[in-house]
Amino acid sequence: MWEISVNDQILTFLYSLVLGVLLCVFYDILRAIRKTGSSSYFSVLAGDIIFWIVNSFVTFIFLLSRTNGEIRGYVLVSILFGFIVCR
């Protein structure tokens, strides 16, 4: 069983907050592109699908690198909190 020290947990929490902020910035860029370009149903759908695929991939890679692929609740909550704080 792979264990993570308290210092690593704190760093992972802070990195998760930063990741949440970066994901929010990516969403804001997508929104700005959406406002300047076409806002048809299919372009919005395609943009949202691309947004979620990229976010899922980035979060997956982050979890692999920081927690050895384990899904930890505080990581997901801190990503969400970073996203909300940025919004």
Protein backbone atom coordinates (compact mmCIF):
# COMPACT_ATOMS: atom_id res chain seq x y z
CA MET A 1 0.00 0.00 0.00
CA TRP A 2 1.34 3.37 -1.02
CA GLU A 3 1.19 6.05 1.66
CA ILE A 4 1.48 9.78 1.29
CA SER A 5 3.07 11.91 4.01
CA VAL A 6 1.39 14.92 5.59
CA ASN A 7 3.74 17.33 3.80
CA ASP A 8 2.95 15.68 0.47
CA GLN A 9 -0.76 15.91 1.24
CA ILE A 10 -0.46 19.63 1.94
CA LEU A 11 1.48 20.16 -1.29
CA THR A 12 -1.04 18.07 -3.21
CA PHE A 13 -3.86 20.15 -1.72
CA LEU A 14 -2.19 23.41 -2.77
CA TYR A 15 -1.40 22.06 -6.24
CA SER A 16 -5.03 20.97 -6.53
CA LEU A 17 -6.17 24.50 -5.74
CA VAL A 18 -3.88 25.84 -8.46
CA LEU A 19 -5.18 23.19 -10.87
CA GLY A 20 -8.75 24.27 -10.13
CA VAL A 21 -7.85 27.89 -10.87
CA LEU A 22 -6.14 26.88 -14.13
CA LEU A 23 -9.17 24.85 -15.19
CA CYS A 24 -11.35 27.88 -14.50
CA VAL A 25 -9.06 30.08 -16.60
CA PHE A 26 -9.30 27.52 -19.41
CA TYR A 27 -13.09 27.65 -19.12
CA ASP A 28 -13.04 31.47 -19.24
CA ILE A 29 -10.93 31.36 -22.41
CA LEU A 30 -13.44 28.93 -23.91
CA ARG A 31 -16.28 31.27 -22.96
CA ALA A 32 -14.51 34.24 -24.56
CA ILE A 33 -14.01 32.27 -27.77
CA ARG A 34 -17.66 31.25 -27.67
CA LYS A 35 -18.80 34.89 -27.34
CA THR A 36 -16.68 36.10 -30.25
CA GLY A 37 -17.49 33.25 -32.59
CA SER A 38 -20.50 31.21 -33.51
CA SER A 39 -22.81 30.24 -30.69
CA SER A 40 -24.84 27.59 -32.45
CA TYR A 41 -25.97 24.55 -30.54
CA PHE A 42 -23.38 22.28 -32.11
CA SER A 43 -20.43 24.63 -31.60
CA VAL A 44 -21.36 25.02 -27.92
CA LEU A 45 -21.74 21.25 -27.61
CA ALA A 46 -18.37 20.61 -29.28
CA GLY A 47 -16.66 23.20 -27.08
CA ASP A 48 -18.13 21.70 -23.93
CA ILE A 49 -17.10 18.19 -24.95
CA ILE A 50 -13.55 19.36 -25.68
CA PHE A 51 -13.48 21.22 -22.35
CA TRP A 52 -14.49 18.14 -20.37
CA ILE A 53 -12.15 15.80 -22.24
CA VAL A 54 -9.18 18.11 -21.62
CA ASN A 55 -10.15 18.64 -17.97
CA SER A 56 -10.59 14.92 -17.40
CA PHE A 57 -7.22 14.16 -18.95
CA VAL A 58 -5.41 16.86 -16.97
CA THR A 59 -7.03 15.77 -13.71
CA PHE A 60 -6.20 12.13 -14.44
CA ILE A 61 -2.54 12.97 -15.11
CA PHE A 62 -2.46 15.08 -11.95
CA LEU A 63 -3.87 12.23 -9.87
CA LEU A 64 -1.35 9.81 -11.38
CA SER A 65 1.56 12.07 -10.62
CA ARG A 66 0.61 13.25 -7.12
CA THR A 67 -1.37 10.36 -5.58
CA ASN A 68 -0.21 7.39 -7.66
CA GLY A 69 -3.62 7.26 -9.33
CA GLU A 70 -5.63 7.05 -6.12
CA ILE A 71 -8.74 9.21 -6.03
CA ARG A 72 -8.60 11.18 -2.81
CA GLY A 73 -11.54 13.26 -1.67
CA TYR A 74 -9.55 16.27 -0.54
CA VAL A 75 -7.95 16.52 -3.99
CA LEU A 76 -11.28 16.63 -5.79
CA VAL A 77 -12.74 19.06 -3.26
CA SER A 78 -9.74 21.37 -3.53
CA ILE A 79 -9.90 21.34 -7.35
CA LEU A 80 -13.58 22.30 -7.09
CA PHE A 81 -12.78 24.94 -4.47
CA GLY A 82 -10.05 26.46 -6.66
CA PHE A 83 -12.48 26.57 -9.58
CA ILE A 84 -15.16 28.26 -7.46
CA VAL A 85 -12.72 30.78 -5.98
CA CYS A 86 -11.61 31.76 -9.48
CA ARG A 87 -15.21 32.16 -10.66
